[in-house]
């Protein structure tokens, strides 16, 4: 038995020694798109930004991360970022975002010495056109003298920009429709106004992942009480969506 175990260990060590070393001498960059392995274009995640959650900001910033394929360098190395035009409601530089080639941003497009990743800003602008339409900003890594492109499906970052409330992906998945109400823009805005919380995917994920479900109950009751009060103060115009659907919060049944 001992000799067999020894042989097995020896085989494993031999195999590991036979693994080829990383031979590509070129430095390559990829966008950090999350933990899921992407194998086709339609699986590339979209980061949705809405100024409706910003509290009145006229300008806001999204942070984007790139990662290195290859060996770190002892010197700082600049990289290049560009807008990829798709012809489908493309965001307009200077109107919806600060142009990616604006001189004020070039200082951020640098992979620092001995680093394997860098984070740079994409500065979004609040234009009135965003109140009625969603615009798409596709950014890509552009090869330069320091870096070549890495994995094909990790060369593009997709961002949508708007000034409207959109249904968060986790609204039904995380039970907000159960604890609060079915999604609608008026109901969503009312919840934001009453609680001071955005009820976007990040916030929904945090409160529903917590072990203290009482905080969710607290918010649900607070919103329900505010809605009952609103209807008492507006008997001829109760809270409803634009199509006339009356809004009812689940917790009203317990008041």
Protein backbone atom coordinates (compact mmCIF):
# COMPACT_ATOMS: atom_id res chain seq x y z
CA UNK A 1 0.00 0.00 0.00
CA UNK A 2 2.80 2.39 0.93
CA UNK A 3 4.59 1.85 -2.36
CA UNK A 4 1.37 2.47 -4.29
CA UNK A 5 0.72 5.71 -2.40
CA UNK A 6 4.30 6.79 -3.01
CA UNK A 7 3.95 6.06 -6.70
CA UNK A 8 0.70 8.04 -6.88
CA UNK A 9 2.28 11.04 -5.21
CA UNK A 10 5.31 10.73 -7.47
CA UNK A 11 3.03 10.64 -10.52
CA UNK A 12 1.20 13.80 -9.41
CA UNK A 13 4.45 15.63 -8.79
CA UNK A 14 5.80 14.50 -12.15
CA UNK A 15 2.69 15.70 -13.95
CA UNK A 16 2.81 19.09 -12.23
CA UNK A 17 6.45 19.48 -13.26
CA UNK A 18 5.49 18.75 -16.86
CA UNK A 19 2.92 21.58 -17.03
CA UNK A 20 4.06 24.17 -19.55
CA UNK A 21 5.03 27.60 -18.22
CA UNK A 22 3.21 30.71 -19.42
CA UNK A 23 5.18 31.53 -22.56
CA UNK A 24 3.36 34.56 -24.02
CA UNK A 25 5.79 37.45 -23.73
CA UNK A 26 3.13 40.02 -24.62
CA UNK A 27 1.29 41.94 -21.91
CA UNK A 28 -2.47 41.73 -22.40
CA UNK A 29 -5.43 43.40 -20.73
CA UNK A 30 -8.97 42.23 -19.99
CA UNK A 31 -11.93 43.90 -18.34
CA UNK A 32 -12.90 42.46 -14.97
CA UNK A 33 -16.49 41.40 -15.71
CA UNK A 34 -17.20 39.41 -12.56
CA UNK A 35 -16.88 35.82 -11.48
CA UNK A 36 -18.82 34.11 -14.28
CA UNK A 37 -16.80 32.69 -17.16
CA UNK A 38 -17.99 34.29 -20.40
CA UNK A 39 -17.94 32.26 -23.61
CA UNK A 40 -20.22 34.25 -25.89
CA UNK A 41 -20.98 37.89 -26.58
CA UNK A 42 -24.57 37.83 -25.33
CA UNK A 43 -23.41 36.73 -21.86
CA UNK A 44 -21.33 39.87 -21.27
CA UNK A 45 -22.98 41.57 -18.24
CA UNK A 46 -24.50 45.03 -18.51
CA UNK A 47 -23.93 47.61 -15.79
CA UNK A 48 -27.06 49.75 -15.58
CA UNK A 49 -26.74 53.27 -14.21
CA UNK A 50 -29.64 55.64 -13.59
CA UNK A 51 -29.38 59.21 -12.32
CA UNK A 52 -32.81 58.58 -10.76
CA UNK A 53 -30.91 57.02 -7.82
CA UNK A 54 -28.29 59.76 -7.57
CA UNK A 55 -30.04 62.20 -5.26
CA UNK A 56 -29.90 65.05 -7.76
CA UNK A 57 -26.32 64.68 -9.01
CA UNK A 58 -25.58 66.19 -12.40
CA UNK A 59 -22.42 64.13 -12.81
CA UNK A 60 -21.43 60.75 -11.41
CA UNK A 61 -18.62 58.24 -11.81
CA UNK A 62 -18.49 54.51 -12.49
CA UNK A 63 -15.27 52.68 -11.65
CA UNK A 64 -14.06 50.11 -14.17
CA UNK A 65 -11.34 47.52 -13.56
CA UNK A 66 -8.87 46.00 -16.03
CA UNK A 67 -6.61 43.04 -15.24
CA UNK A 68 -3.27 41.96 -16.61
CA UNK A 69 -2.44 38.78 -18.52
CA UNK A 70 1.31 38.47 -18.37
CA UNK A 71 4.08 39.60 -16.09
CA UNK A 72 4.07 42.79 -14.01
CA UNK A 73 6.54 45.47 -14.97
CA UNK A 74 8.89 47.60 -12.89
CA UNK A 75 7.55 50.70 -14.64
CA UNK A 76 4.18 52.39 -15.03
CA UNK A 77 2.50 51.49 -18.32
CA UNK A 78 -0.29 53.49 -19.99
CA UNK A 79 -3.24 51.69 -21.58
CA UNK A 80 -5.88 52.92 -24.01
CA UNK A 81 -9.68 52.94 -23.68
CA UNK A 82 -12.08 53.81 -26.48
CA UNK A 83 -15.82 54.00 -27.13
CA UNK A 84 -17.15 51.16 -29.29
CA UNK A 85 -19.96 52.44 -31.48
CA UNK A 86 -22.82 49.97 -32.03
CA UNK A 87 -25.35 52.14 -33.85
CA UNK A 88 -28.02 51.34 -31.27
CA UNK A 89 -28.76 54.40 -29.11
CA UNK A 90 -25.06 55.02 -28.56
CA UNK A 91 -24.27 57.43 -25.72
CA UNK A 92 -22.89 60.77 -26.93
CA UNK A 93 -19.55 62.01 -25.63
CA UNK A 94 -19.81 65.42 -24.01
CA UNK A 95 -23.55 64.94 -23.53
CA UNK A 96 -23.98 61.65 -21.67
CA UNK A 97 -20.39 61.12 -20.53
CA UNK A 98 -17.00 62.80 -20.58
CA UNK A 99 -15.17 61.62 -23.68
CA UNK A 100 -12.82 58.73 -22.94
CA UNK A 101 -9.99 60.54 -24.74
CA UNK A 102 -10.44 63.70 -22.69
CA UNK A 103 -7.01 64.84 -21.42
CA UNK A 104 -8.32 65.02 -17.84
CA UNK A 105 -8.77 61.24 -17.80
CA UNK A 106 -5.47 60.11 -19.32
CA UNK A 107 -3.73 60.10 -15.93
CA UNK A 108 -6.03 57.26 -14.83
CA UNK A 109 -5.31 54.97 -17.77
CA UNK A 110 -2.14 53.61 -16.22
CA UNK A 111 -1.17 50.19 -14.91
CA UNK A 112 1.19 51.06 -12.08
CA UNK A 113 4.57 49.41 -11.62
CA UNK A 114 4.38 45.88 -10.14
CA UNK A 115 0.56 45.91 -10.43
CA UNK A 116 -1.68 43.32 -12.06
CA UNK A 117 -4.84 45.46 -12.21
CA UNK A 118 -5.97 49.05 -12.50
CA UNK A 119 -9.22 50.92 -11.87
CA UNK A 120 -10.21 53.93 -13.93
CA UNK A 121 -13.23 56.28 -13.92
CA UNK A 122 -15.99 56.65 -16.48
CA UNK A 123 -17.65 60.00 -15.80
CA UNK A 124 -21.37 60.14 -16.64
CA UNK A 125 -23.33 63.34 -17.30
CA UNK A 126 -26.99 64.02 -16.56
CA UNK A 127 -28.61 65.21 -19.76
CA UNK A 128 -32.36 65.81 -20.10
CA UNK A 129 -32.54 63.24 -22.89
CA UNK A 130 -31.89 60.50 -20.30
CA UNK A 131 -35.30 61.14 -18.73
CA UNK A 132 -37.08 59.48 -21.63
CA UNK A 133 -34.54 57.11 -23.15
CA UNK A 134 -31.80 54.66 -22.18
CA UNK A 135 -28.45 55.16 -23.91
CA UNK A 136 -25.73 52.55 -24.35
CA UNK A 137 -22.06 53.14 -23.67
CA UNK A 138 -19.76 50.37 -24.87
CA UNK A 139 -16.13 50.83 -23.93
CA UNK A 140 -13.27 48.76 -25.29
CA UNK A 141 -9.60 48.15 -24.64
CA UNK A 142 -7.50 49.50 -27.50
CA UNK A 143 -4.11 47.97 -28.22
CA UNK A 144 -1.12 50.25 -27.80
CA UNK A 145 2.66 49.92 -27.59
CA UNK A 146 2.41 48.46 -24.07
CA UNK A 147 -0.60 46.14 -24.19
CA UNK A 148 -2.32 43.79 -26.60
CA UNK A 149 -5.86 42.48 -26.24
CA UNK A 150 -6.57 39.47 -24.06
CA UNK A 151 -9.59 37.15 -24.12
CA UNK A 152 -12.04 38.17 -26.90
CA UNK A 153 -15.14 38.29 -24.70
CA UNK A 154 -13.39 40.38 -22.04
CA UNK A 155 -12.49 43.29 -24.30
CA UNK A 156 -15.73 45.22 -23.89
CA UNK A 157 -17.59 46.76 -20.98
CA UNK A 158 -21.28 47.59 -21.42
CA UNK A 159 -22.95 50.43 -19.52
CA UNK A 160 -26.49 51.74 -19.89
CA UNK A 161 -27.20 55.31 -18.84
CA UNK A 162 -30.63 56.75 -18.03
CA UNK A 163 -32.50 59.06 -15.69
CA UNK A 164 -35.43 56.71 -15.24
CA UNK A 165 -36.32 54.04 -12.75
CA UNK A 166 -36.07 50.55 -14.17
CA UNK A 167 -37.14 47.34 -12.48
CA UNK A 168 -34.15 45.90 -10.58
CA UNK A 169 -33.22 42.38 -11.64
CA UNK A 170 -33.57 41.16 -8.06
CA UNK A 171 -36.97 42.71 -7.31
CA UNK A 172 -38.91 39.45 -7.73
CA UNK A 173 -35.97 37.12 -7.23
CA UNK A 174 -35.30 38.47 -3.73
CA UNK A 175 -38.96 38.82 -2.73
CA UNK A 176 -39.41 42.60 -2.80
CA UNK A 177 -42.71 41.94 -4.60
CA UNK A 178 -43.72 39.86 -1.56
CA UNK A 179 -42.51 42.11 1.25
CA UNK A 180 -43.52 45.38 -0.44
CA UNK A 181 -45.41 45.37 -3.75
CA UNK A 182 -45.27 44.47 -7.43
CA UNK A 183 -42.80 46.67 -9.26
CA UNK A 184 -43.94 49.88 -10.90
CA UNK A 185 -42.07 53.19 -11.32
CA UNK A 186 -44.46 55.13 -9.08
CA UNK A 187 -44.37 52.50 -6.33
CA UNK A 188 -40.60 52.29 -6.60
CA UNK A 189 -40.19 56.07 -6.38
CA UNK A 190 -42.55 56.20 -3.40
CA UNK A 191 -40.42 53.62 -1.58
CA UNK A 192 -37.29 55.66 -2.30
CA UNK A 193 -38.92 58.88 -1.07
CA UNK A 194 -40.22 57.32 2.15
CA UNK A 195 -37.11 55.35 3.14
CA UNK A 196 -34.29 57.34 1.58
CA UNK A 197 -32.97 54.06 0.14
CA UNK A 198 -32.56 53.37 -3.59
CA UNK A 199 -34.01 49.83 -3.69
CA UNK A 200 -31.62 49.04 -6.50
CA UNK A 201 -29.99 45.63 -6.94
CA UNK A 202 -27.15 46.41 -4.53
CA UNK A 203 -29.46 47.54 -1.74
CA UNK A 204 -31.94 44.71 -2.32
CA UNK A 205 -29.10 42.19 -2.19
CA UNK A 206 -27.83 43.61 1.11
CA UNK A 207 -31.12 43.69 3.01
CA UNK A 208 -32.33 40.30 1.82
CA UNK A 209 -28.99 38.62 2.48
CA UNK A 210 -28.87 39.89 6.04
CA UNK A 211 -29.70 37.55 8.92
CA UNK A 212 -31.82 40.36 10.40
CA UNK A 213 -35.05 40.12 8.40
CA UNK A 214 -36.62 42.51 10.90
CA UNK A 215 -35.05 45.41 9.01
CA UNK A 216 -36.97 44.40 5.89
CA UNK A 217 -40.17 44.21 7.96
CA UNK A 218 -39.42 47.64 9.43
CA UNK A 219 -39.02 49.20 5.97
CA UNK A 220 -42.11 47.41 4.63
CA UNK A 221 -44.25 48.67 7.51
CA UNK A 222 -42.85 52.19 7.18
CA UNK A 223 -43.72 52.33 3.48
CA UNK A 224 -47.19 50.86 4.04
CA UNK A 225 -48.01 53.41 6.78
CA UNK A 226 -46.80 56.25 4.54
CA UNK A 227 -48.97 55.02 1.70
CA UNK A 228 -52.09 54.80 3.91
CA UNK A 229 -51.42 58.34 5.10
CA UNK A 230 -50.90 59.52 1.52
CA UNK A 231 -54.27 58.13 0.44
CA UNK A 232 -55.98 59.72 3.44
CA UNK A 233 -54.52 63.08 2.41
CA UNK A 234 -55.39 62.55 -1.27
CA UNK A 235 -58.78 60.78 -1.25
CA UNK A 236 -59.54 61.82 -4.83
CA UNK A 237 -56.14 60.78 -6.18
CA UNK A 238 -54.88 57.69 -4.35
CA UNK A 239 -51.40 56.42 -5.07
CA UNK A 240 -51.43 54.66 -8.44
CA UNK A 241 -49.30 53.92 -11.46
CA UNK A 242 -49.58 56.01 -14.62
CA UNK A 243 -52.08 53.53 -16.12
CA UNK A 244 -54.39 53.96 -13.11
CA UNK A 245 -53.45 50.73 -11.32
CA UNK A 246 -53.89 51.31 -7.61
CA UNK A 247 -50.76 50.61 -5.59
CA UNK A 248 -51.12 48.38 -2.55
CA UNK A 249 -48.32 47.44 -0.21
CA UNK A 250 -48.36 44.00 1.36
CA UNK A 251 -47.89 45.25 4.92
CA UNK A 252 -51.13 47.27 4.79
CA UNK A 253 -52.97 44.09 5.73
CA UNK A 254 -51.25 44.15 9.15
CA UNK A 255 -51.92 47.79 10.05
